[in-house]
Amino acid sequence: MKYVREIMEFSKITSISTNDVLRIFYHSDLYFLLKNGISDIYCMSDNWLAEELKEECENKNMSKYVGARVSLGVFFYDIF
């Protein structure tokens, strides 16, 4: 449930679609920290986590995940 709130908050503050935010989130260091229970980052507020993700995106130029698509033959599929 924490992931959903984090993704929605990040989408709200950046005006990026939720599909693109999913791609960004699942490729982020923040996701790794949350998933593995490292430190007490899980206890931080959704807004704080969204701001951290925004900062990580700016520092790592994660814009490559926005609108990313994979070609499989003649079809294009969104990647997550």
C-alpha atoms as a PDB file:
ATOM      1  CA  MET A   1       0.000   0.000   0.000  1.00  0.00           C
ATOM      2  CA  LYS A   2       2.897   2.356   0.731  1.00  0.00           C
ATOM      3  CA  TYR A   3       4.080   2.037  -2.882  1.00  0.00           C
ATOM      4  CA  VAL A   4       0.705   3.089  -4.250  1.00  0.00           C
ATOM      5  CA  ARG A   5       0.569   6.219  -2.100  1.00  0.00           C
ATOM      6  CA  GLU A   6       4.163   7.066  -2.997  1.00  0.00           C
ATOM      7  CA  ILE A   7       3.515   6.660  -6.730  1.00  0.00           C
ATOM      8  CA  MET A   8       0.326   8.722  -6.625  1.00  0.00           C
ATOM      9  CA  GLU A   9       1.990  11.512  -4.612  1.00  0.00           C
ATOM     10  CA  PHE A  10       4.953  11.663  -7.010  1.00  0.00           C
ATOM     11  CA  SER A  11       2.597  11.746  -9.994  1.00  0.00           C
ATOM     12  CA  LYS A  12       0.669  14.603  -8.387  1.00  0.00           C
ATOM     13  CA  ILE A  13       3.697  16.799  -7.635  1.00  0.00           C
ATOM     14  CA  THR A  14       5.394  16.229 -11.004  1.00  0.00           C
ATOM     15  CA  SER A  15       2.362  15.963 -13.342  1.00  0.00           C
ATOM     16  CA  ILE A  16       3.850  12.773 -14.815  1.00  0.00           C
ATOM     17  CA  SER A  17       1.468   9.963 -15.772  1.00  0.00           C
ATOM     18  CA  THR A  18       1.149   7.081 -13.336  1.00  0.00           C
ATOM     19  CA  ASN A  19       2.493   4.633 -15.949  1.00  0.00           C
ATOM     20  CA  ASP A  20       5.653   6.696 -16.314  1.00  0.00           C
ATOM     21  CA  VAL A  21       5.921   7.128 -12.553  1.00  0.00           C
ATOM     22  CA  LEU A  22       5.736   3.345 -12.153  1.00  0.00           C
ATOM     23  CA  ARG A  23       8.690   2.944 -14.512  1.00  0.00           C
ATOM     24  CA  ILE A  24      10.675   5.593 -12.666  1.00  0.00           C
ATOM     25  CA  PHE A  25       9.808   4.236  -9.230  1.00  0.00           C
ATOM     26  CA  TYR A  26      10.685   0.607  -9.973  1.00  0.00           C
ATOM     27  CA  HIS A  27      14.072   1.661 -11.383  1.00  0.00           C
ATOM     28  CA  SER A  28      14.911   3.930  -8.450  1.00  0.00           C
ATOM     29  CA  ASP A  29      17.207   3.489  -5.473  1.00  0.00           C
ATOM     30  CA  LEU A  30      14.285   4.537  -3.296  1.00  0.00           C
ATOM     31  CA  TYR A  31      12.318   1.460  -4.388  1.00  0.00           C
ATOM     32  CA  PHE A  32      15.307  -0.744  -3.565  1.00  0.00           C
ATOM     33  CA  LEU A  33      15.543   0.765  -0.080  1.00  0.00           C
ATOM     34  CA  LEU A  34      11.811   0.398   0.578  1.00  0.00           C
ATOM     35  CA  LYS A  35      11.627  -3.128  -0.824  1.00  0.00           C
ATOM     36  CA  ASN A  36      14.559  -4.370   1.235  1.00  0.00           C
ATOM     37  CA  GLY A  37      13.574  -2.603   4.439  1.00  0.00           C
ATOM     38  CA  ILE A  38      16.844  -0.726   4.659  1.00  0.00           C
ATOM     39  CA  SER A  39      16.952   1.856   7.440  1.00  0.00           C
ATOM     40  CA  ASP A  40      13.690   3.360   8.635  1.00  0.00           C
ATOM     41  CA  ILE A  41      12.867   4.983   5.300  1.00  0.00           C
ATOM     42  CA  TYR A  42       9.554   3.083   5.276  1.00  0.00           C
ATOM     43  CA  CYS A  43       8.410   5.273   8.189  1.00  0.00           C
ATOM     44  CA  MET A  44       8.850   8.528   6.270  1.00  0.00           C
ATOM     45  CA  SER A  45       5.811  10.428   4.988  1.00  0.00           C
ATOM     46  CA  ASP A  46       4.531   9.957   1.450  1.00  0.00           C
ATOM     47  CA  ASN A  47       5.334  13.570   0.624  1.00  0.00           C
ATOM     48  CA  TRP A  48       8.918  13.222   1.879  1.00  0.00           C
ATOM     49  CA  LEU A  49       9.404  10.043  -0.158  1.00  0.00           C
ATOM     50  CA  ALA A  50       7.943  11.706  -3.268  1.00  0.00           C
ATOM     51  CA  GLU A  51      10.358  14.614  -2.860  1.00  0.00           C
ATOM     52  CA  GLU A  52      13.253  12.160  -2.448  1.00  0.00           C
ATOM     53  CA  LEU A  53      12.203  10.367  -5.627  1.00  0.00           C
ATOM     54  CA  LYS A  54      11.970  13.694  -7.443  1.00  0.00           C
ATOM     55  CA  GLU A  55      15.486  14.595  -6.299  1.00  0.00           C
ATOM     56  CA  GLU A  56      16.793  11.188  -7.373  1.00  0.00           C
ATOM     57  CA  CYS A  57      15.206  11.642 -10.810  1.00  0.00           C
ATOM     58  CA  GLU A  58      16.846  15.019 -11.230  1.00  0.00           C
ATOM     59  CA  ASN A  59      20.250  13.722 -10.115  1.00  0.00           C
ATOM     60  CA  LYS A  60      20.163  10.537 -12.201  1.00  0.00           C
ATOM     61  CA  ASN A  61      18.360  11.899 -15.279  1.00  0.00           C
ATOM     62  CA  MET A  62      15.661   9.238 -15.077  1.00  0.00           C
ATOM     63  CA  SER A  63      13.617  10.970 -17.768  1.00  0.00           C
ATOM     64  CA  LYS A  64      14.581   8.090 -20.085  1.00  0.00           C
ATOM     65  CA  TYR A  65      11.845   6.054 -18.378  1.00  0.00           C
ATOM     66  CA  VAL A  66       9.134   8.566 -19.267  1.00  0.00           C
ATOM     67  CA  GLY A  67       7.255   7.316 -22.310  1.00  0.00           C
ATOM     68  CA  ALA A  68       9.566   4.299 -22.717  1.00  0.00           C
ATOM     69  CA  ARG A  69       8.263   1.587 -24.980  1.00  0.00           C
ATOM     70  CA  VAL A  70       9.594  -1.769 -26.111  1.00  0.00           C
ATOM     71  CA  SER A  71       9.115  -3.019 -29.645  1.00  0.00           C
ATOM     72  CA  LEU A  72       8.095  -6.675 -29.946  1.00  0.00           C
ATOM     73  CA  GLY A  73       7.558  -7.322 -33.626  1.00  0.00           C
ATOM     74  CA  VAL A  74       4.969  -4.894 -34.951  1.00  0.00           C
ATOM     75  CA  PHE A  75       3.489  -4.201 -31.529  1.00  0.00           C
ATOM     76  CA  PHE A  76       4.665  -1.742 -28.908  1.00  0.00           C
ATOM     77  CA  TYR A  77       4.221  -2.473 -25.230  1.00  0.00           C
ATOM     78  CA  ASP A  78       4.675  -0.186 -22.279  1.00  0.00           C
ATOM     79  CA  ILE A  79       7.388  -1.457 -19.984  1.00  0.00           C
ATOM     80  CA  PHE A  80       7.117  -1.382 -16.222  1.00  0.00           C
END
